Amino acid sequence: MSCFGRGGSGPNTRLQYSPYVRPVMVGDLKCVVIDERLRDIEPMAFDFVLNFARDNGLQMTEACSIPDASGDLPPAA
């Protein structure tokens, strides 16, 4: 759920993540947060991400809203 974009500098600056699927660190854990709004916007992408996690034996859990880097919560749907 990422693509290469323009601009910036450094090894991963061109890699841009979907606002609905983004990697985050929660403590010492590397996680991927999936915004449930993706289910309504693009159901096939939502299913792809969940199936990828299941097929690869990744741990999944439902959680509450997680603030973004600015500390703001995403707008409610």
PDB file of N, CA and C in Angstrom:
ATOM      1  N   MET A   1       0.839  -1.189   0.000  1.00  0.00           N
ATOM      2  CA  MET A   1       0.000   0.000   0.000  1.00  0.00           C
ATOM      3  C   MET A   1       0.882   1.250   0.000  1.00  0.00           C
ATOM      4  N   SER A   2       1.984   1.170  -0.729  1.00  0.00           N
ATOM      5  CA  SER A   2       2.848   2.328  -0.870  1.00  0.00           C
ATOM      6  C   SER A   2       3.221   2.470  -2.335  1.00  0.00           C
ATOM      7  N   CYS A   3       3.693   3.642  -2.669  1.00  0.00           N
ATOM      8  CA  CYS A   3       4.122   3.894  -4.042  1.00  0.00           C
ATOM      9  C   CYS A   3       5.318   4.837  -4.002  1.00  0.00           C
ATOM     10  N   PHE A   4       5.992   4.956  -5.120  1.00  0.00           N
ATOM     11  CA  PHE A   4       7.114   5.884  -5.208  1.00  0.00           C
ATOM     12  C   PHE A   4       6.605   7.223  -5.711  1.00  0.00           C
ATOM     13  N   GLY A   5       7.016   8.304  -5.042  1.00  0.00           N
ATOM     14  CA  GLY A   5       6.601   9.648  -5.412  1.00  0.00           C
ATOM     15  C   GLY A   5       7.800  10.492  -5.808  1.00  0.00           C
ATOM     16  N   ARG A   6       7.616  11.774  -5.900  1.00  0.00           N
ATOM     17  CA  ARG A   6       8.669  12.697  -6.309  1.00  0.00           C
ATOM     18  C   ARG A   6       9.230  13.460  -5.131  1.00  0.00           C
ATOM     19  N   GLY A   7      10.436  13.977  -5.307  1.00  0.00           N
ATOM     20  CA  GLY A   7      11.021  14.922  -4.364  1.00  0.00           C
ATOM     21  C   GLY A   7      11.677  14.298  -3.162  1.00  0.00           C
ATOM     22  N   GLY A   8      12.281  15.152  -2.349  1.00  0.00           N
ATOM     23  CA  GLY A   8      12.916  14.724  -1.121  1.00  0.00           C
ATOM     24  C   GLY A   8      14.323  14.205  -1.346  1.00  0.00           C
ATOM     25  N   SER A   9      14.939  13.780  -0.244  1.00  0.00           N
ATOM     26  CA  SER A   9      16.267  13.192  -0.318  1.00  0.00           C
ATOM     27  C   SER A   9      16.367  12.081   0.714  1.00  0.00           C
ATOM     28  N   GLY A  10      17.336  11.204   0.558  1.00  0.00           N
ATOM     29  CA  GLY A  10      17.490  10.078   1.467  1.00  0.00           C
ATOM     30  C   GLY A  10      17.001   8.797   0.834  1.00  0.00           C
ATOM     31  N   PRO A  11      17.247   7.661   1.498  1.00  0.00           N
ATOM     32  CA  PRO A  11      16.955   6.363   0.882  1.00  0.00           C
ATOM     33  C   PRO A  11      15.475   6.054   0.656  1.00  0.00           C
ATOM     34  N   ASN A  12      14.579   6.533   1.526  1.00  0.00           N
ATOM     35  CA  ASN A  12      13.154   6.176   1.394  1.00  0.00           C
ATOM     36  C   ASN A  12      12.240   7.375   1.193  1.00  0.00           C
ATOM     37  N   THR A  13      12.783   8.520   0.830  1.00  0.00           N
ATOM     38  CA  THR A  13      11.936   9.708   0.747  1.00  0.00           C
ATOM     39  C   THR A  13      10.950   9.649  -0.399  1.00  0.00           C
ATOM     40  N   ARG A  14      11.234   8.871  -1.398  1.00  0.00           N
ATOM     41  CA  ARG A  14      10.291   8.767  -2.513  1.00  0.00           C
ATOM     42  C   ARG A  14       9.171   7.768  -2.241  1.00  0.00           C
ATOM     43  N   LEU A  15       9.332   6.970  -1.206  1.00  0.00           N
ATOM     44  CA  LEU A  15       8.315   5.995  -0.855  1.00  0.00           C
ATOM     45  C   LEU A  15       7.202   6.703  -0.094  1.00  0.00           C
ATOM     46  N   GLN A  16       5.992   6.660  -0.627  1.00  0.00           N
ATOM     47  CA  GLN A  16       4.858   7.327  -0.006  1.00  0.00           C
ATOM     48  C   GLN A  16       3.809   6.293   0.358  1.00  0.00           C
ATOM     49  N   TYR A  17       3.262   6.428   1.554  1.00  0.00           N
ATOM     50  CA  TYR A  17       2.285   5.473   2.046  1.00  0.00           C
ATOM     51  C   TYR A  17       0.871   6.007   1.908  1.00  0.00           C
ATOM     52  N   SER A  18      -0.052   5.088   1.746  1.00  0.00           N
ATOM     53  CA  SER A  18      -1.459   5.432   1.722  1.00  0.00           C
ATOM     54  C   SER A  18      -1.844   6.046   3.063  1.00  0.00           C
ATOM     55  N   PRO A  19      -2.722   7.040   3.071  1.00  0.00           N
ATOM     56  CA  PRO A  19      -3.176   7.576   4.354  1.00  0.00           C
ATOM     57  C   PRO A  19      -4.035   6.567   5.123  1.00  0.00           C
ATOM     58  N   TYR A  20      -4.439   5.488   4.479  1.00  0.00           N
ATOM     59  CA  TYR A  20      -5.299   4.490   5.116  1.00  0.00           C
ATOM     60  C   TYR A  20      -4.539   3.258   5.592  1.00  0.00           C
ATOM     61  N   VAL A  21      -3.301   3.083   5.139  1.00  0.00           N
ATOM     62  CA  VAL A  21      -2.467   1.952   5.554  1.00  0.00           C
ATOM     63  C   VAL A  21      -1.063   2.499   5.743  1.00  0.00           C
ATOM     64  N   ARG A  22      -0.586   2.511   6.995  1.00  0.00           N
ATOM     65  CA  ARG A  22       0.723   3.131   7.241  1.00  0.00           C
ATOM     66  C   ARG A  22       1.495   2.366   8.305  1.00  0.00           C
ATOM     67  N   PRO A  23       2.803   2.292   8.109  1.00  0.00           N
ATOM     68  CA  PRO A  23       3.639   1.642   9.114  1.00  0.00           C
ATOM     69  C   PRO A  23       3.864   2.573  10.293  1.00  0.00           C
ATOM     70  N   VAL A  24       3.866   2.022  11.480  1.00  0.00           N
ATOM     71  CA  VAL A  24       4.111   2.795  12.698  1.00  0.00           C
ATOM     72  C   VAL A  24       4.890   1.922  13.682  1.00  0.00           C
ATOM     73  N   MET A  25       5.503   2.566  14.644  1.00  0.00           N
ATOM     74  CA  MET A  25       6.119   1.864  15.766  1.00  0.00           C
ATOM     75  C   MET A  25       5.217   2.077  16.980  1.00  0.00           C
ATOM     76  N   VAL A  26       4.872   1.016  17.655  1.00  0.00           N
ATOM     77  CA  VAL A  26       4.113   1.078  18.898  1.00  0.00           C
ATOM     78  C   VAL A  26       5.026   0.468  19.953  1.00  0.00           C
ATOM     79  N   GLY A  27       5.671   1.338  20.706  1.00  0.00           N
ATOM     80  CA  GLY A  27       6.715   0.871  21.612  1.00  0.00           C
ATOM     81  C   GLY A  27       7.865   0.335  20.776  1.00  0.00           C
ATOM     82  N   ASP A  28       8.213  -0.931  20.995  1.00  0.00           N
ATOM     83  CA  ASP A  28       9.271  -1.582  20.222  1.00  0.00           C
ATOM     84  C   ASP A  28       8.723  -2.445  19.085  1.00  0.00           C
ATOM     85  N   LEU A  29       7.403  -2.406  18.873  1.00  0.00           N
ATOM     86  CA  LEU A  29       6.775  -3.248  17.857  1.00  0.00           C
ATOM     87  C   LEU A  29       6.598  -2.498  16.543  1.00  0.00           C
ATOM     88  N   LYS A  30       6.990  -3.146  15.459  1.00  0.00           N
ATOM     89  CA  LYS A  30       6.713  -2.617  14.126  1.00  0.00           C
ATOM     90  C   LYS A  30       5.300  -3.053  13.765  1.00  0.00           C
ATOM     91  N   CYS A  31       4.453  -2.095  13.412  1.00  0.00           N
ATOM     92  CA  CYS A  31       3.046  -2.371  13.132  1.00  0.00           C
ATOM     93  C   CYS A  31       2.616  -1.714  11.835  1.00  0.00           C
ATOM     94  N   VAL A  32       1.509  -2.180  11.319  1.00  0.00           N
ATOM     95  CA  VAL A  32       0.847  -1.522  10.197  1.00  0.00           C
ATOM     96  C   VAL A  32      -0.557  -1.195  10.666  1.00  0.00           C
ATOM     97  N   VAL A  33      -0.903   0.070  10.600  1.00  0.00           N
ATOM     98  CA  VAL A  33      -2.238   0.519  11.005  1.00  0.00           C
ATOM     99  C   VAL A  33      -3.095   0.640   9.758  1.00  0.00           C
ATOM    100  N   ILE A  34      -4.251   0.002   9.804  1.00  0.00           N
ATOM    101  CA  ILE A  34      -5.200   0.064   8.690  1.00  0.00           C
ATOM    102  C   ILE A  34      -6.413   0.843   9.158  1.00  0.00           C
ATOM    103  N   ASP A  35      -6.682   1.934   8.472  1.00  0.00           N
ATOM    104  CA  ASP A  35      -7.865   2.746   8.780  1.00  0.00           C
ATOM    105  C   ASP A  35      -9.088   1.999   8.259  1.00  0.00           C
ATOM    106  N   GLU A  36     -10.064   1.755   9.139  1.00  0.00           N
ATOM    107  CA  GLU A  36     -11.231   0.975   8.727  1.00  0.00           C
ATOM    108  C   GLU A  36     -12.043   1.647   7.626  1.00  0.00           C
ATOM    109  N   ARG A  37     -11.827   2.933   7.393  1.00  0.00           N
ATOM    110  CA  ARG A  37     -12.519   3.605   6.280  1.00  0.00           C
ATOM    111  C   ARG A  37     -12.108   3.020   4.937  1.00  0.00           C
ATOM    112  N   LEU A  38     -10.944   2.354   4.881  1.00  0.00           N
ATOM    113  CA  LEU A  38     -10.501   1.719   3.643  1.00  0.00           C
ATOM    114  C   LEU A  38     -11.500   0.663   3.193  1.00  0.00           C
ATOM    115  N   ARG A  39     -12.150   0.002   4.148  1.00  0.00           N
ATOM    116  CA  ARG A  39     -13.144  -1.030   3.824  1.00  0.00           C
ATOM    117  C   ARG A  39     -14.248  -0.464   2.933  1.00  0.00           C
ATOM    118  N   ASP A  40     -14.681   0.763   3.199  1.00  0.00           N
ATOM    119  CA  ASP A  40     -15.742   1.389   2.403  1.00  0.00           C
ATOM    120  C   ASP A  40     -15.206   2.010   1.120  1.00  0.00           C
ATOM    121  N   ILE A  41     -14.007   2.582   1.186  1.00  0.00           N
ATOM    122  CA  ILE A  41     -13.430   3.282   0.033  1.00  0.00           C
ATOM    123  C   ILE A  41     -12.941   2.308  -1.027  1.00  0.00           C
ATOM    124  N   GLU A  42     -12.225   1.261  -0.595  1.00  0.00           N
ATOM    125  CA  GLU A  42     -11.636   0.292  -1.525  1.00  0.00           C
ATOM    126  C   GLU A  42     -11.630  -1.095  -0.881  1.00  0.00           C
ATOM    127  N   PRO A  43     -12.778  -1.781  -0.938  1.00  0.00           N
ATOM    128  CA  PRO A  43     -12.912  -3.075  -0.259  1.00  0.00           C
ATOM    129  C   PRO A  43     -11.867  -4.113  -0.688  1.00  0.00           C
ATOM    130  N   MET A  44     -11.483  -4.121  -1.958  1.00  0.00           N
ATOM    131  CA  MET A  44     -10.501  -5.107  -2.418  1.00  0.00           C
ATOM    132  C   MET A  44      -9.129  -4.852  -1.793  1.00  0.00           C
ATOM    133  N   ALA A  45      -8.753  -3.598  -1.625  1.00  0.00           N
ATOM    134  CA  ALA A  45      -7.476  -3.269  -0.986  1.00  0.00           C
ATOM    135  C   ALA A  45      -7.517  -3.665   0.480  1.00  0.00           C
ATOM    136  N   PHE A  46      -8.632  -3.412   1.139  1.00  0.00           N
ATOM    137  CA  PHE A  46      -8.796  -3.791   2.547  1.00  0.00           C
ATOM    138  C   PHE A  46      -8.643  -5.303   2.701  1.00  0.00           C
ATOM    139  N   ASP A  47      -9.332  -6.065   1.853  1.00  0.00           N
ATOM    140  CA  ASP A  47      -9.244  -7.529   1.907  1.00  0.00           C
ATOM    141  C   ASP A  47      -7.825  -8.003   1.604  1.00  0.00           C
ATOM    142  N   PHE A  48      -7.158  -7.356   0.652  1.00  0.00           N
ATOM    143  CA  PHE A  48      -5.786  -7.731   0.308  1.00  0.00           C
ATOM    144  C   PHE A  48      -4.877  -7.627   1.526  1.00  0.00           C
ATOM    145  N   VAL A  49      -4.950  -6.514   2.231  1.00  0.00           N
ATOM    146  CA  VAL A  49      -4.076  -6.304   3.389  1.00  0.00           C
ATOM    147  C   VAL A  49      -4.369  -7.336   4.481  1.00  0.00           C
ATOM    148  N   LEU A  50      -5.636  -7.572   4.779  1.00  0.00           N
ATOM    149  CA  LEU A  50      -5.985  -8.556   5.804  1.00  0.00           C
ATOM    150  C   LEU A  50      -5.569  -9.969   5.395  1.00  0.00           C
ATOM    151  N   ASN A  51      -5.784 -10.321   4.133  1.00  0.00           N
ATOM    152  CA  ASN A  51      -5.395 -11.644   3.659  1.00  0.00           C
ATOM    153  C   ASN A  51      -3.877 -11.816   3.664  1.00  0.00           C
ATOM    154  N   PHE A  52      -3.142 -10.751   3.339  1.00  0.00           N
ATOM    155  CA  PHE A  52      -1.684 -10.803   3.395  1.00  0.00           C
ATOM    156  C   PHE A  52      -1.234 -11.122   4.821  1.00  0.00           C
ATOM    157  N   ALA A  53      -1.826 -10.444   5.778  1.00  0.00           N
ATOM    158  CA  ALA A  53      -1.466 -10.673   7.181  1.00  0.00           C
ATOM    159  C   ALA A  53      -1.796 -12.111   7.596  1.00  0.00           C
ATOM    160  N   ARG A  54      -2.977 -12.590   7.241  1.00  0.00           N
ATOM    161  CA  ARG A  54      -3.369 -13.968   7.590  1.00  0.00           C
ATOM    162  C   ARG A  54      -2.448 -14.986   6.923  1.00  0.00           C
ATOM    163  N   ASP A  55      -2.209 -14.820   5.611  1.00  0.00           N
ATOM    164  CA  ASP A  55      -1.385 -15.765   4.854  1.00  0.00           C
ATOM    165  C   ASP A  55       0.040 -15.851   5.381  1.00  0.00           C
ATOM    166  N   ASN A  56       0.528 -14.778   5.975  1.00  0.00           N
ATOM    167  CA  ASN A  56       1.894 -14.733   6.475  1.00  0.00           C
ATOM    168  C   ASN A  56       1.985 -14.918   7.989  1.00  0.00           C
ATOM    169  N   GLY A  57       0.877 -15.311   8.594  1.00  0.00           N
ATOM    170  CA  GLY A  57       0.868 -15.609  10.025  1.00  0.00           C
ATOM    171  C   GLY A  57       1.178 -14.404  10.899  1.00  0.00           C
ATOM    172  N   LEU A  58       0.805 -13.215  10.447  1.00  0.00           N
ATOM    173  CA  LEU A  58       1.063 -12.006  11.224  1.00  0.00           C
ATOM    174  C   LEU A  58      -0.032 -11.818  12.271  1.00  0.00           C
ATOM    175  N   GLN A  59       0.353 -11.318  13.419  1.00  0.00           N
ATOM    176  CA  GLN A  59      -0.602 -11.064  14.490  1.00  0.00           C
ATOM    177  C   GLN A  59      -1.471  -9.870  14.121  1.00  0.00           C
ATOM    178  N   MET A  60      -2.778 -10.001  14.335  1.00  0.00           N
ATOM    179  CA  MET A  60      -3.707  -8.907  14.036  1.00  0.00           C
ATOM    180  C   MET A  60      -4.562  -8.628  15.265  1.00  0.00           C
ATOM    181  N   THR A  61      -4.944  -7.373  15.418  1.00  0.00           N
ATOM    182  CA  THR A  61      -5.839  -7.000  16.500  1.00  0.00           C
ATOM    183  C   THR A  61      -6.592  -5.742  16.101  1.00  0.00           C
ATOM    184  N   GLU A  62      -7.790  -5.591  16.627  1.00  0.00           N
ATOM    185  CA  GLU A  62      -8.526  -4.334  16.440  1.00  0.00           C
ATOM    186  C   GLU A  62      -8.101  -3.390  17.537  1.00  0.00           C
ATOM    187  N   ALA A  63      -7.997  -2.128  17.184  1.00  0.00           N
ATOM    188  CA  ALA A  63      -7.576  -1.129  18.168  1.00  0.00           C
ATOM    189  C   ALA A  63      -8.372   0.148  17.960  1.00  0.00           C
ATOM    190  N   CYS A  64      -8.235   1.032  18.913  1.00  0.00           N
ATOM    191  CA  CYS A  64      -8.891   2.327  18.813  1.00  0.00           C
ATOM    192  C   CYS A  64      -8.068   3.238  17.902  1.00  0.00           C
ATOM    193  N   SER A  65      -8.517   4.458  17.734  1.00  0.00           N
ATOM    194  CA  SER A  65      -7.795   5.428  16.921  1.00  0.00           C
ATOM    195  C   SER A  65      -6.420   5.698  17.505  1.00  0.00           C
ATOM    196  N   ILE A  66      -5.447   5.800  16.616  1.00  0.00           N
ATOM    197  CA  ILE A  66      -4.076   6.105  17.013  1.00  0.00           C
ATOM    198  C   ILE A  66      -3.725   7.470  16.445  1.00  0.00           C
ATOM    199  N   PRO A  67      -3.221   8.387  17.266  1.00  0.00           N
ATOM    200  CA  PRO A  67      -2.873   9.724  16.754  1.00  0.00           C
ATOM    201  C   PRO A  67      -1.801   9.624  15.674  1.00  0.00           C
ATOM    202  N   ASP A  68      -1.859  10.531  14.686  1.00  0.00           N
ATOM    203  CA  ASP A  68      -0.813  10.568  13.673  1.00  0.00           C
ATOM    204  C   ASP A  68       0.407  11.279  14.236  1.00  0.00           C
ATOM    205  N   ALA A  69       1.412  11.512  13.409  1.00  0.00           N
ATOM    206  CA  ALA A  69       2.677  12.087  13.870  1.00  0.00           C
ATOM    207  C   ALA A  69       2.493  13.459  14.531  1.00  0.00           C
ATOM    208  N   SER A  70       1.479  14.196  14.131  1.00  0.00           N
ATOM    209  CA  SER A  70       1.249  15.519  14.707  1.00  0.00           C
ATOM    210  C   SER A  70       0.524  15.435  16.038  1.00  0.00           C
ATOM    211  N   GLY A  71       0.046  14.244  16.393  1.00  0.00           N
ATOM    212  CA  GLY A  71      -0.687  14.080  17.641  1.00  0.00           C
ATOM    213  C   GLY A  71      -2.183  14.265  17.483  1.00  0.00           C
ATOM    214  N   ASP A  72      -2.627  14.587  16.259  1.00  0.00           N
ATOM    215  CA  ASP A  72      -4.054  14.764  16.004  1.00  0.00           C
ATOM    216  C   ASP A  72      -4.699  13.427  15.675  1.00  0.00           C
ATOM    217  N   LEU A  73      -5.903  13.233  16.135  1.00  0.00           N
ATOM    218  CA  LEU A  73      -6.647  12.045  15.769  1.00  0.00           C
ATOM    219  C   LEU A  73      -7.222  12.231  14.368  1.00  0.00           C
ATOM    220  N   PRO A  74      -7.353  11.151  13.591  1.00  0.00           N
ATOM    221  CA  PRO A  74      -7.973  11.276  12.290  1.00  0.00           C
ATOM    222  C   PRO A  74      -9.429  11.688  12.426  1.00  0.00           C
ATOM    223  N   PRO A  75      -9.969  12.377  11.419  1.00  0.00           N
ATOM    224  CA  PRO A  75     -11.381  12.788  11.514  1.00  0.00           C
ATOM    225  C   PRO A  75     -12.292  11.583  11.565  1.00  0.00           C
ATOM    226  N   ALA A  76     -13.358  11.686  12.315  1.00  0.00           N
ATOM    227  CA  ALA A  76     -14.338  10.595  12.438  1.00  0.00           C
ATOM    228  C   ALA A  76     -15.092  10.448  11.134  1.00  0.00           C
ATOM    229  N   ALA A  77     -15.413   9.217  10.794  1.00  0.00           N
ATOM    230  CA  ALA A  77     -16.157   8.954   9.554  1.00  0.00           C
ATOM    231  C   ALA A  77     -17.638   9.151   9.774  1.00  0.00           C
TER     232      ALA A  77
END
